[in-house]
Amino acid sequence: MPVKKTTDALEIVYRRHYKGHPERLQRLEDERQNAAIARKLYRLRTEAGMTQQQLAVRVGTTASVVSRLENADYEGHSLTMLRRIAAALGKNIELRFVARAVGGH
């Protein structure tokens, strides 16, 4: 069956780089999750009106650690540190496990 032509940029990227490569899809999903955590931490901190230094003092770490946690490229988020940050911001962590998408995008 011939592949239907498309001008959809995301579909083209998917076909060229991800279709048939589950390991690439998994890396992409991992990066999406890292970026989502970083954005969430940044949003929670700024909504609380805190600087990275102020949050670091409350958590018992350094501003550079907070900065690293807010970086979308960071891959070392630990549940322990996320709990400490949540507590410092008056929040709880809610953890969910969801099914992986299989073969799709």
Protein backbone atom coordinates (compact mmCIF):
# COMPACT_ATOMS: atom_id res chain seq x y z
CA MET A 1 0.00 0.00 0.00
CA PRO A 2 1.59 3.32 -1.05
CA VAL A 3 2.14 6.01 1.56
CA LYS A 4 -0.34 8.87 1.25
CA LYS A 5 1.41 12.18 0.51
CA THR A 6 1.16 14.90 3.11
CA THR A 7 2.28 18.46 3.71
CA ASP A 8 1.84 18.12 7.50
CA ALA A 9 5.29 18.89 8.89
CA LEU A 10 4.83 16.78 12.02
CA GLU A 11 3.71 13.81 9.97
CA ILE A 12 6.71 14.18 7.68
CA VAL A 13 9.12 14.33 10.64
CA TYR A 14 7.42 11.32 12.22
CA ARG A 15 7.67 9.26 9.03
CA ARG A 16 11.30 10.18 8.38
CA HIS A 17 12.72 9.94 11.88
CA TYR A 18 10.43 7.98 14.20
CA LYS A 19 8.20 5.53 12.35
CA GLY A 20 9.56 2.03 12.90
CA HIS A 21 12.06 3.24 15.53
CA PRO A 22 10.50 2.59 18.95
CA GLU A 23 13.75 3.51 20.74
CA ARG A 24 13.64 6.98 19.16
CA LEU A 25 9.99 7.37 20.12
CA GLN A 26 10.86 6.43 23.70
CA ARG A 27 13.70 8.97 23.83
CA LEU A 28 11.32 11.61 22.49
CA GLU A 29 8.75 10.77 25.18
CA ASP A 30 11.45 10.87 27.87
CA GLU A 31 12.49 14.34 26.71
CA ARG A 32 8.87 15.50 26.69
CA GLN A 33 8.50 14.33 30.29
CA ASN A 34 11.72 16.07 31.37
CA ALA A 35 10.55 19.30 29.75
CA ALA A 36 7.11 19.03 31.38
CA ILE A 37 8.66 18.59 34.83
CA ALA A 38 10.98 21.56 34.27
CA ARG A 39 8.11 23.79 33.12
CA LYS A 40 5.95 22.73 36.07
CA LEU A 41 8.70 23.47 38.60
CA TYR A 42 9.38 26.86 37.05
CA ARG A 43 5.67 27.74 36.99
CA LEU A 44 5.10 26.69 40.61
CA ARG A 45 8.14 28.63 41.82
CA THR A 46 7.27 31.81 39.93
CA GLU A 47 3.60 31.62 40.94
CA ALA A 48 4.83 31.46 44.54
CA GLY A 49 6.79 34.67 43.84
CA MET A 50 10.08 33.02 44.71
CA THR A 51 13.52 33.28 43.16
CA GLN A 52 15.60 30.19 42.60
CA GLN A 53 17.74 31.25 45.56
CA GLN A 54 14.73 31.60 47.85
CA LEU A 55 13.39 28.18 46.88
CA ALA A 56 16.85 26.66 47.29
CA VAL A 57 17.09 27.98 50.86
CA ARG A 58 13.67 26.52 51.71
CA VAL A 59 14.60 23.17 50.17
CA GLY A 60 18.09 23.07 51.69
CA THR A 61 20.02 23.11 48.43
CA THR A 62 21.64 25.64 46.11
CA ALA A 63 20.20 27.91 43.44
CA SER A 64 22.24 26.04 40.83
CA VAL A 65 20.42 22.81 41.75
CA VAL A 66 17.05 24.55 41.37
CA SER A 67 18.20 25.98 38.04
CA ARG A 68 19.24 22.54 36.85
CA LEU A 69 15.87 21.07 37.87
CA GLU A 70 14.10 23.77 35.85
CA ASN A 71 16.19 22.95 32.77
CA ALA A 72 14.30 20.90 30.17
CA ASP A 73 17.50 18.98 29.33
CA TYR A 74 17.99 17.73 32.90
CA GLU A 75 17.38 14.01 33.32
CA GLY A 76 18.08 13.46 37.02
CA HIS A 77 14.80 14.40 38.72
CA SER A 78 14.50 12.36 41.88
CA LEU A 79 11.24 11.78 43.66
CA THR A 80 12.91 12.75 46.94
CA MET A 81 13.95 16.17 45.60
CA LEU A 82 10.58 16.74 43.96
CA ARG A 83 8.90 15.99 47.31
CA ARG A 84 11.17 18.50 49.06
CA ILE A 85 10.32 21.16 46.50
CA ALA A 86 6.61 20.38 46.72
CA ALA A 87 6.72 20.70 50.51
CA ALA A 88 8.60 24.01 50.27
CA LEU A 89 5.86 25.30 47.96
CA GLY A 90 3.01 23.94 50.09
CA LYS A 91 2.12 21.29 47.52
CA ASN A 92 1.83 17.51 47.30
CA ILE A 93 3.00 15.34 44.44
CA GLU A 94 0.51 13.25 42.55
CA LEU A 95 2.06 10.38 40.61
CA ARG A 96 0.27 8.57 37.79
CA PHE A 97 1.26 5.62 35.66
CA VAL A 98 -0.24 5.66 32.17
CA ALA A 99 -0.07 3.27 29.27
CA ARG A 100 2.53 3.97 26.62
CA ALA A 101 1.42 4.75 23.14
CA VAL A 102 2.26 1.79 20.94
CA GLY A 103 3.58 2.51 17.46
CA GLY A 104 1.76 5.82 17.19
CA HIS A 105 2.76 9.43 17.50
